[in-house]
Amino acid sequence: MSDALLTLRGVETRIGRYHILHGVDFAARRGRVTMLLGRNGAGKTTTLRTVMGLWRASAGSIEFDGRRIETLDTPDIARLGIAYVPETMGIFSQLTVRENLLLATWRDGLTDERLDHLFALFPALKERFAVPAGVLSGGQKQMLAIGRAIVEPRRLLVVDEPTKGLAPAVIQQLIDAFQRLKESETTILLVEQNFHMAASVGDDVAVMDDGRIVHTGAMADLVADDALQHRLLGLSLALHQ
């Protein structure tokens, strides 16, 4: 697609003797939220890690803004403007919220403009700014992980299951934050098991099964089609609203 920022074509990934991805094809369009959905073990996290160069694609191509990146090292991929928030969040527990954010900057530091942007998305970070990250709640740690990913201007935000294990009230705060990011035309690739979150923020969807993409389309169309949900995911999104 001409408006695609990220495009995967025929991507295969092997980890040791395991063949995880079997020709993955999909695109993340500019200024939109693309949901990558599928059952546990379908290959979603492997796909994100392959995009980031943490695992090497054994075949196929990955293009970012028309440039092939599948052979680049992870730091070089990040320097192109791609930020990754892993499921583990990867925050530094002994450092404060401020120090975690500062580590993610490479020019200008934590300017007032950047902090105002982050605090508007995640007010809890302002309240806990000088607190060690290790004492934050699970939801606050996730907010910090996402905030750290976007403290520098990013062209693509890649996030793996941000709502896992969080209370409904915290999930709603993350939904609100992602909707505000959408308004700023941030391009987002998001793996998510909470289907209320997926339905609330997703524009496009790619569904994985057994290391392959088995469906692509508009998220709204998937939300509206109960039979398609059952066929692709084995459940109804209506039960997760």
Protein backbone atom coordinates (compact mmCIF):
# COMPACT_ATOMS: atom_id res chain seq x y z
CA MET A 1 0.00 0.00 0.00
CA SER A 2 1.31 3.44 -0.92
CA ASP A 3 0.42 4.84 2.52
CA ALA A 4 2.20 2.03 4.40
CA LEU A 5 4.95 3.07 6.79
CA LEU A 6 5.91 -0.52 7.68
CA THR A 7 5.51 -3.46 5.29
CA LEU A 8 6.30 -7.14 5.87
CA ARG A 9 6.44 -9.43 2.84
CA GLY A 10 6.95 -13.17 3.13
CA VAL A 11 8.75 -12.86 6.47
CA GLU A 12 9.96 -16.11 7.99
CA THR A 13 11.72 -16.46 11.32
CA ARG A 14 13.49 -19.48 12.74
CA ILE A 15 14.70 -19.67 16.33
CA GLY A 16 17.07 -22.57 16.68
CA ARG A 17 15.30 -25.60 15.25
CA TYR A 18 11.88 -23.95 15.54
CA HIS A 19 10.25 -22.37 12.49
CA ILE A 20 8.00 -19.69 14.03
CA LEU A 21 6.93 -17.35 11.22
CA HIS A 22 5.82 -18.80 7.88
CA GLY A 23 5.64 -16.00 5.32
CA VAL A 24 4.09 -13.10 7.24
CA ASP A 25 2.53 -10.38 5.05
CA PHE A 26 0.89 -7.21 6.33
CA ALA A 27 1.38 -3.44 6.48
CA ALA A 28 1.00 -0.71 9.11
CA ARG A 29 -0.40 2.44 7.52
CA ARG A 30 0.79 5.94 8.38
CA GLY A 31 -1.05 7.71 11.17
CA ARG A 32 -3.15 4.65 12.03
CA VAL A 33 -3.26 1.99 14.72
CA THR A 34 -2.75 -1.51 13.35
CA MET A 35 -3.81 -4.29 15.71
CA LEU A 36 -1.94 -7.60 15.47
CA LEU A 37 -4.28 -10.19 16.96
CA GLY A 38 -4.27 -13.95 17.37
CA ARG A 39 -4.38 -16.79 19.82
CA ASN A 40 -1.52 -17.39 22.26
CA GLY A 41 1.48 -18.82 20.44
CA ALA A 42 0.38 -17.55 17.03
CA GLY A 43 3.65 -15.66 16.49
CA LYS A 44 2.69 -12.08 17.39
CA THR A 45 5.60 -11.34 19.73
CA THR A 46 8.02 -13.05 17.35
CA THR A 47 6.76 -10.74 14.61
CA LEU A 48 7.44 -7.63 16.69
CA ARG A 49 10.86 -8.86 17.73
CA THR A 50 11.70 -9.64 14.10
CA VAL A 51 10.67 -6.14 13.04
CA MET A 52 13.02 -4.74 15.69
CA GLY A 53 15.92 -6.98 14.63
CA LEU A 54 16.02 -8.79 17.97
CA TRP A 55 15.44 -11.97 15.98
CA ARG A 56 16.57 -12.16 12.36
CA ALA A 57 14.19 -12.84 9.52
CA SER A 58 15.40 -15.94 7.70
CA ALA A 59 13.46 -14.99 4.56
CA GLY A 60 11.29 -12.21 3.22
CA SER A 61 11.58 -8.44 3.52
CA ILE A 62 10.72 -5.77 6.09
CA GLU A 63 10.44 -2.21 4.77
CA PHE A 64 10.19 0.94 6.83
CA ASP A 65 9.24 3.98 4.78
CA GLY A 66 10.48 2.19 1.67
CA ARG A 67 13.84 1.15 3.18
CA ARG A 68 14.73 -2.50 3.77
CA ILE A 69 15.56 -3.00 7.46
CA GLU A 70 15.55 -6.77 7.99
CA THR A 71 19.37 -6.92 7.99
CA LEU A 72 19.90 -3.91 10.27
CA ASP A 73 20.93 -4.18 13.90
CA THR A 74 18.39 -3.18 16.55
CA PRO A 75 20.07 0.14 17.49
CA ASP A 76 20.08 1.18 13.83
CA ILE A 77 16.39 0.28 13.49
CA ALA A 78 15.60 2.35 16.58
CA ARG A 79 17.51 5.32 15.17
CA LEU A 80 15.17 5.35 12.17
CA GLY A 81 12.43 6.43 14.59
CA ILE A 82 10.94 3.10 15.69
CA ALA A 83 10.25 2.60 19.41
CA TYR A 84 9.50 -0.79 20.97
CA VAL A 85 7.71 -1.46 24.25
CA PRO A 86 8.12 -5.18 25.06
CA GLU A 87 5.66 -7.15 27.14
CA THR A 88 8.21 -7.13 29.98
CA MET A 89 8.31 -3.28 29.81
CA GLY A 90 12.06 -3.29 30.54
CA ILE A 91 12.10 -0.39 32.98
CA PHE A 92 15.00 0.15 35.41
CA SER A 93 13.50 -0.48 38.84
CA GLN A 94 16.19 1.25 40.91
CA LEU A 95 16.07 4.43 38.83
CA THR A 96 13.41 7.09 39.31
CA VAL A 97 10.71 7.83 36.79
CA ARG A 98 12.69 10.91 35.76
CA GLU A 99 15.91 8.92 35.30
CA ASN A 100 14.14 6.24 33.24
CA LEU A 101 12.77 8.92 30.94
CA LEU A 102 16.10 10.74 30.75
CA LEU A 103 17.88 7.58 29.61
CA ALA A 104 15.62 7.44 26.57
CA THR A 105 16.59 10.92 25.34
CA TRP A 106 19.53 11.55 23.06
CA ARG A 107 19.19 15.26 22.40
CA ASP A 108 17.89 18.21 24.41
CA GLY A 109 17.05 16.05 27.44
CA LEU A 110 13.73 16.31 29.26
CA THR A 111 12.45 19.63 28.01
CA ASP A 112 9.31 21.19 29.47
CA GLU A 113 7.55 20.60 26.15
CA ARG A 114 8.31 16.89 26.21
CA LEU A 115 7.30 16.52 29.83
CA ASP A 116 4.05 18.43 29.30
CA HIS A 117 3.23 16.03 26.44
CA LEU A 118 3.93 12.95 28.57
CA PHE A 119 2.13 14.26 31.65
CA ALA A 120 -0.94 15.08 29.57
CA LEU A 121 -1.04 11.43 28.48
CA PHE A 122 -0.06 9.96 31.85
CA PRO A 123 -0.69 12.30 34.81
CA ALA A 124 0.50 9.58 37.22
CA LEU A 125 4.05 10.00 35.92
CA LYS A 126 4.07 13.61 37.07
CA GLU A 127 2.88 12.60 40.52
CA ARG A 128 5.56 9.88 40.76
CA PHE A 129 8.32 11.71 38.91
CA ALA A 130 10.95 11.39 41.67
CA VAL A 131 9.92 7.91 42.82
CA PRO A 132 11.95 4.75 42.03
CA ALA A 133 10.25 2.91 39.20
CA GLY A 134 10.33 -0.35 41.14
CA VAL A 135 7.66 0.87 43.58
CA LEU A 136 5.18 1.89 40.89
CA SER A 137 2.00 -0.08 40.32
CA GLY A 138 1.78 -2.35 37.30
CA GLY A 139 -0.25 0.21 35.40
CA GLN A 140 2.14 3.03 36.26
CA LYS A 141 5.09 0.92 35.08
CA GLN A 142 3.35 0.38 31.76
CA MET A 143 2.69 4.12 31.46
CA LEU A 144 6.38 4.75 32.15
CA ALA A 145 7.42 2.18 29.52
CA ILE A 146 5.22 3.81 26.89
CA GLY A 147 6.22 7.30 27.99
CA ARG A 148 9.88 6.40 27.71
CA ALA A 149 9.28 5.07 24.18
CA ILE A 150 7.76 8.35 22.98
CA VAL A 151 9.84 10.88 24.93
CA GLU A 152 11.81 11.37 21.72
CA PRO A 153 9.86 11.98 18.49
CA ARG A 154 9.02 8.58 16.96
CA ARG A 155 7.68 7.64 13.56
CA LEU A 156 6.43 4.20 14.63
CA LEU A 157 5.48 2.90 18.07
CA VAL A 158 5.50 -0.90 18.47
CA VAL A 159 3.84 -2.16 21.67
CA ASP A 160 3.39 -5.72 22.94
CA GLU A 161 0.33 -6.40 25.15
CA PRO A 162 0.28 -3.20 27.22
CA THR A 163 -2.86 -4.10 29.20
CA LYS A 164 -1.80 -7.59 30.32
CA GLY A 165 -2.66 -8.12 33.99
CA LEU A 166 -4.03 -4.60 34.51
CA ALA A 167 -7.29 -3.57 36.18
CA PRO A 168 -10.15 -2.27 33.99
CA ALA A 169 -9.76 1.31 35.27
CA VAL A 170 -6.09 1.33 34.31
CA ILE A 171 -6.87 -0.20 30.92
CA GLN A 172 -9.27 2.67 30.28
CA GLN A 173 -6.50 5.14 31.08
CA LEU A 174 -4.30 3.43 28.49
CA ILE A 175 -7.15 3.49 25.96
CA ASP A 176 -7.50 7.22 26.51
CA ALA A 177 -3.74 7.71 26.06
CA PHE A 178 -3.63 5.71 22.83
CA GLN A 179 -6.61 7.61 21.47
CA ARG A 180 -4.76 10.87 22.13
CA LEU A 181 -1.70 9.46 20.38
CA LYS A 182 -3.94 8.62 17.42
CA GLU A 183 -5.07 12.24 17.29
CA SER A 184 -1.41 13.25 16.91
CA GLU A 185 -1.20 10.91 13.87
CA THR A 186 1.30 8.61 15.56
CA THR A 187 1.64 5.32 13.67
CA ILE A 188 1.21 2.39 16.07
CA LEU A 189 1.57 -1.38 15.73
CA LEU A 190 -0.10 -2.95 18.75
CA VAL A 191 -0.36 -6.55 19.97
CA GLU A 192 -3.24 -6.85 22.42
CA GLN A 193 -5.30 -9.61 24.01
CA ASN A 194 -7.86 -7.26 25.57
CA PHE A 195 -10.44 -6.94 22.82
CA HIS A 196 -12.17 -3.94 24.33
CA MET A 197 -8.84 -2.15 23.94
CA ALA A 198 -8.43 -3.47 20.39
CA ALA A 199 -11.92 -2.37 19.38
CA SER A 200 -11.50 1.03 21.01
CA VAL A 201 -8.20 2.10 19.43
CA GLY A 202 -7.65 -0.09 16.37
CA ASP A 203 -8.08 1.22 12.83
CA ASP A 204 -6.70 -1.77 10.90
CA VAL A 205 -6.23 -5.38 11.96
CA ALA A 206 -4.05 -8.31 10.98
CA VAL A 207 -4.91 -11.68 12.53
CA MET A 208 -2.23 -14.34 12.97
CA ASP A 209 -2.56 -18.09 13.29
CA ASP A 210 0.32 -20.56 13.41
CA GLY A 211 2.89 -18.06 12.23
CA ARG A 212 0.85 -16.76 9.29
CA ILE A 213 -1.44 -13.81 8.63
CA VAL A 214 -4.90 -15.25 7.99
CA HIS A 215 -6.91 -12.02 7.80
CA THR A 216 -6.35 -8.31 7.23
CA GLY A 217 -8.90 -5.52 7.09
CA ALA A 218 -10.62 -2.79 9.05
CA MET A 219 -10.86 -3.31 12.80
CA ALA A 220 -14.43 -2.02 12.72
CA ASP A 221 -15.43 -4.75 10.27
CA LEU A 222 -14.03 -7.45 12.56
CA VAL A 223 -15.81 -5.94 15.56
CA ALA A 224 -19.09 -5.98 13.63
CA ASP A 225 -18.81 -9.60 12.45
CA ASP A 226 -19.32 -12.09 15.27
CA ALA A 227 -18.99 -15.12 12.99
CA LEU A 228 -15.64 -13.86 11.67
CA GLN A 229 -14.41 -13.32 15.22
CA HIS A 230 -15.24 -16.90 16.14
CA ARG A 231 -13.61 -18.26 13.00
CA LEU A 232 -10.39 -16.28 13.37
CA LEU A 233 -10.03 -15.98 17.15
CA GLY A 234 -12.33 -18.60 18.64
CA LEU A 235 -14.30 -16.03 20.65
CA SER A 236 -16.68 -13.12 20.42
CA LEU A 237 -15.44 -9.59 20.96
CA ALA A 238 -18.83 -8.74 22.42
CA LEU A 239 -17.94 -10.80 25.47
CA HIS A 240 -14.95 -8.51 26.12
CA GLN A 241 -16.63 -5.11 25.90
